[in-house]
C-alpha atoms as a PDB file:
ATOM      1  CA  MET A   1     -43.150 -23.574   4.467  1.00  0.00           C
ATOM      2  CA  LYS A   2     -45.527 -20.758   5.398  1.00  0.00           C
ATOM      3  CA  ILE A   3     -43.281 -19.667   8.295  1.00  0.00           C
ATOM      4  CA  ARG A   4     -40.221 -19.355   5.935  1.00  0.00           C
ATOM      5  CA  GLN A   5     -42.125 -17.062   3.636  1.00  0.00           C
ATOM      6  CA  ILE A   6     -43.235 -14.902   6.474  1.00  0.00           C
ATOM      7  CA  LEU A   7     -39.697 -14.676   7.907  1.00  0.00           C
ATOM      8  CA  LEU A   8     -38.320 -13.885   4.472  1.00  0.00           C
ATOM      9  CA  ILE A   9     -40.831 -11.069   3.874  1.00  0.00           C
ATOM     10  CA  ALA A  10     -40.270  -9.769   7.445  1.00  0.00           C
ATOM     11  CA  SER A  11     -36.531  -9.687   6.909  1.00  0.00           C
ATOM     12  CA  PHE A  12     -36.864  -7.711   3.706  1.00  0.00           C
ATOM     13  CA  MET A  13     -39.236  -5.291   5.391  1.00  0.00           C
ATOM     14  CA  MET A  14     -36.691  -4.692   8.172  1.00  0.00           C
ATOM     15  CA  LEU A  15     -33.823  -4.051   5.716  1.00  0.00           C
ATOM     16  CA  VAL A  16     -35.625  -1.383   3.642  1.00  0.00           C
ATOM     17  CA  PRO A  17     -35.621   1.493   6.146  1.00  0.00           C
ATOM     18  CA  LEU A  18     -31.926   0.906   7.146  1.00  0.00           C
ATOM     19  CA  SER A  19     -30.495   2.341   3.876  1.00  0.00           C
ATOM     20  CA  ALA A  20     -32.449   5.590   4.168  1.00  0.00           C
ATOM     21  CA  ASN A  21     -30.721   6.596   7.397  1.00  0.00           C
ATOM     22  CA  SER A  22     -27.329   7.170   5.929  1.00  0.00           C
ATOM     23  CA  ALA A  23     -28.099   9.941   3.444  1.00  0.00           C
ATOM     24  CA  VAL A  24     -25.573  12.836   3.383  1.00  0.00           C
ATOM     25  CA  THR A  25     -26.067  15.637   0.868  1.00  0.00           C
ATOM     26  CA  VAL A  26     -23.369  17.011  -1.367  1.00  0.00           C
ATOM     27  CA  ASP A  27     -23.292  20.319   0.498  1.00  0.00           C
ATOM     28  CA  GLN A  28     -22.836  18.537   3.783  1.00  0.00           C
ATOM     29  CA  SER A  29     -20.088  16.198   2.517  1.00  0.00           C
ATOM     30  CA  THR A  30     -18.106  19.142   1.057  1.00  0.00           C
ATOM     31  CA  SER A  31     -18.422  21.531   3.990  1.00  0.00           C
ATOM     32  CA  LYS A  32     -15.285  22.533   5.821  1.00  0.00           C
ATOM     33  CA  ASP A  33     -16.250  20.925   9.107  1.00  0.00           C
ATOM     34  CA  TYR A  34     -17.180  17.616   7.469  1.00  0.00           C
ATOM     35  CA  VAL A  35     -13.968  17.378   5.393  1.00  0.00           C
ATOM     36  CA  MET A  36     -11.744  18.296   8.343  1.00  0.00           C
ATOM     37  CA  ASN A  37     -13.483  15.830  10.676  1.00  0.00           C
ATOM     38  CA  GLN A  38     -13.001  13.020   8.112  1.00  0.00           C
ATOM     39  CA  GLY A  39      -9.187  13.578   8.423  1.00  0.00           C
ATOM     40  CA  TYR A  40      -8.507  15.519   5.234  1.00  0.00           C
ATOM     41  CA  SER A  41      -6.221  18.544   5.119  1.00  0.00           C
ATOM     42  CA  GLU A  42      -6.930  22.200   4.483  1.00  0.00           C
ATOM     43  CA  GLU A  43      -5.511  21.858   0.998  1.00  0.00           C
ATOM     44  CA  THR A  44      -8.060  19.147   0.161  1.00  0.00           C
ATOM     45  CA  TYR A  45     -10.859  21.488   1.329  1.00  0.00           C
ATOM     46  CA  GLU A  46      -9.419  24.294  -0.827  1.00  0.00           C
ATOM     47  CA  THR A  47      -9.291  21.937  -3.823  1.00  0.00           C
ATOM     48  CA  ILE A  48     -12.944  20.961  -3.274  1.00  0.00           C
ATOM     49  CA  THR A  49     -13.953  24.585  -3.005  1.00  0.00           C
ATOM     50  CA  VAL A  50     -12.131  25.515  -6.194  1.00  0.00           C
ATOM     51  CA  GLU A  51     -13.749  22.603  -8.117  1.00  0.00           C
ATOM     52  CA  LYS A  52     -17.214  23.530  -6.836  1.00  0.00           C
ATOM     53  CA  ASN A  53     -16.810  27.146  -7.875  1.00  0.00           C
ATOM     54  CA  ARG A  54     -15.333  26.138 -11.229  1.00  0.00           C
ATOM     55  CA  GLY A  55     -18.301  23.827 -11.849  1.00  0.00           C
ATOM     56  CA  VAL A  56     -20.752  26.739 -11.570  1.00  0.00           C
ATOM     57  CA  GLY A  57     -18.526  29.154 -13.571  1.00  0.00           C
ATOM     58  CA  LYS A  58     -17.148  31.291 -10.672  1.00  0.00           C
ATOM     59  CA  GLU A  59     -13.542  32.270 -10.362  1.00  0.00           C
ATOM     60  CA  TYR A  60     -12.195  31.428  -6.923  1.00  0.00           C
ATOM     61  CA  TYR A  61      -8.783  32.129  -5.481  1.00  0.00           C
ATOM     62  CA  THR A  62      -7.450  30.846  -2.152  1.00  0.00           C
ATOM     63  CA  ALA A  63      -5.956  33.183   0.423  1.00  0.00           C
ATOM     64  CA  ARG A  64      -2.443  32.160  -0.660  1.00  0.00           C
ATOM     65  CA  GLU A  65      -3.193  32.884  -4.327  1.00  0.00           C
ATOM     66  CA  LYS A  66      -4.624  36.279  -3.398  1.00  0.00           C
ATOM     67  CA  ARG A  67      -1.570  37.076  -1.334  1.00  0.00           C
ATOM     68  CA  ASP A  68       0.753  36.073  -4.135  1.00  0.00           C
ATOM     69  CA  ARG A  69      -1.120  38.078  -6.726  1.00  0.00           C
ATOM     70  CA  GLU A  70      -0.550  41.250  -4.654  1.00  0.00           C
ATOM     71  CA  LEU A  71       3.262  40.953  -4.704  1.00  0.00           C
ATOM     72  CA  PRO A  72       5.335  43.245  -6.854  1.00  0.00           C
ATOM     73  CA  LYS A  73       5.846  42.173 -10.531  1.00  0.00           C
ATOM     74  CA  VAL A  74       9.580  41.444 -10.018  1.00  0.00           C
ATOM     75  CA  VAL A  75       8.882  39.038  -7.187  1.00  0.00           C
ATOM     76  CA  ARG A  76       6.093  37.359  -9.155  1.00  0.00           C
ATOM     77  CA  PHE A  77       8.474  37.025 -12.146  1.00  0.00           C
ATOM     78  CA  PHE A  78      11.149  35.283 -10.124  1.00  0.00           C
ATOM     79  CA  ARG A  79       8.573  33.012  -8.495  1.00  0.00           C
ATOM     80  CA  LYS A  80       7.158  32.104 -11.874  1.00  0.00           C
ATOM     81  CA  PHE A  81      10.634  31.458 -13.197  1.00  0.00           C
ATOM     82  CA  TYR A  82      11.505  29.327 -10.182  1.00  0.00           C
ATOM     83  CA  SER A  83       8.322  27.330 -10.547  1.00  0.00           C
ATOM     84  CA  TYR A  84       9.052  26.911 -14.264  1.00  0.00           C
ATOM     85  CA  THR A  85      12.494  25.434 -13.521  1.00  0.00           C
ATOM     86  CA  ASP A  86      11.450  23.376 -10.493  1.00  0.00           C
ATOM     87  CA  PRO A  87       8.459  21.013 -11.270  1.00  0.00           C
ATOM     88  CA  GLY A  88       7.813  20.575  -7.545  1.00  0.00           C
ATOM     89  CA  ALA A  89       7.141  24.241  -6.885  1.00  0.00           C
ATOM     90  CA  GLU A  90       3.620  25.525  -6.717  1.00  0.00           C
ATOM     91  CA  ASP A  91       2.678  28.312  -9.099  1.00  0.00           C
ATOM     92  CA  PHE A  92      -1.175  28.096  -8.672  1.00  0.00           C
ATOM     93  CA  SER A  93      -1.768  27.490 -12.376  1.00  0.00           C
ATOM     94  CA  PHE A  94      -3.210  24.056 -11.864  1.00  0.00           C
ATOM     95  CA  TYR A  95      -6.871  25.146 -11.576  1.00  0.00           C
ATOM     96  CA  HIS A  96      -6.668  28.557 -13.296  1.00  0.00           C
ATOM     97  CA  HIS A  97      -5.929  27.928 -16.911  1.00  0.00           C
ATOM     98  CA  ASN A  98      -7.798  26.947 -20.053  1.00  0.00           C
ATOM     99  CA  PHE A  99      -7.074  23.527 -21.440  1.00  0.00           C
ATOM    100  CA  SER A 100      -5.727  23.249 -24.987  1.00  0.00           C
ATOM    101  CA  THR A 101      -5.080  20.194 -27.057  1.00  0.00           C
ATOM    102  CA  THR A 102      -2.030  21.615 -28.729  1.00  0.00           C
ATOM    103  CA  PRO A 103       1.239  21.635 -26.801  1.00  0.00           C
ATOM    104  CA  SER A 104       2.934  24.911 -25.909  1.00  0.00           C
ATOM    105  CA  TYR A 105       5.658  26.321 -23.643  1.00  0.00           C
ATOM    106  CA  THR A 106       3.104  26.823 -20.752  1.00  0.00           C
ATOM    107  CA  ASP A 107       2.752  23.032 -20.465  1.00  0.00           C
ATOM    108  CA  LEU A 108       6.256  22.603 -19.132  1.00  0.00           C
END
């Protein structure tokens, strides 16, 4: 009986330090190297970066969004019109708009 108690206590003492070795911080798990090494795409990393910056109140635009913002107004209008008519087209408004509880034409 005494040996079982000692073995039980010894096994608990050996399990306690094992869980402390696998700690990964939030900054490490959302870094570009870590995300890419885990098999995620560049788009996933950009989404994580946008969400992190949005959480602290910063406005963040990806390289593609910055390039599209520099296009002439006519080109931007036709791109916006095309993305309005084609739901599969990307218009970069997913992260950069204020949410409203009332429906409007911008929800389409």
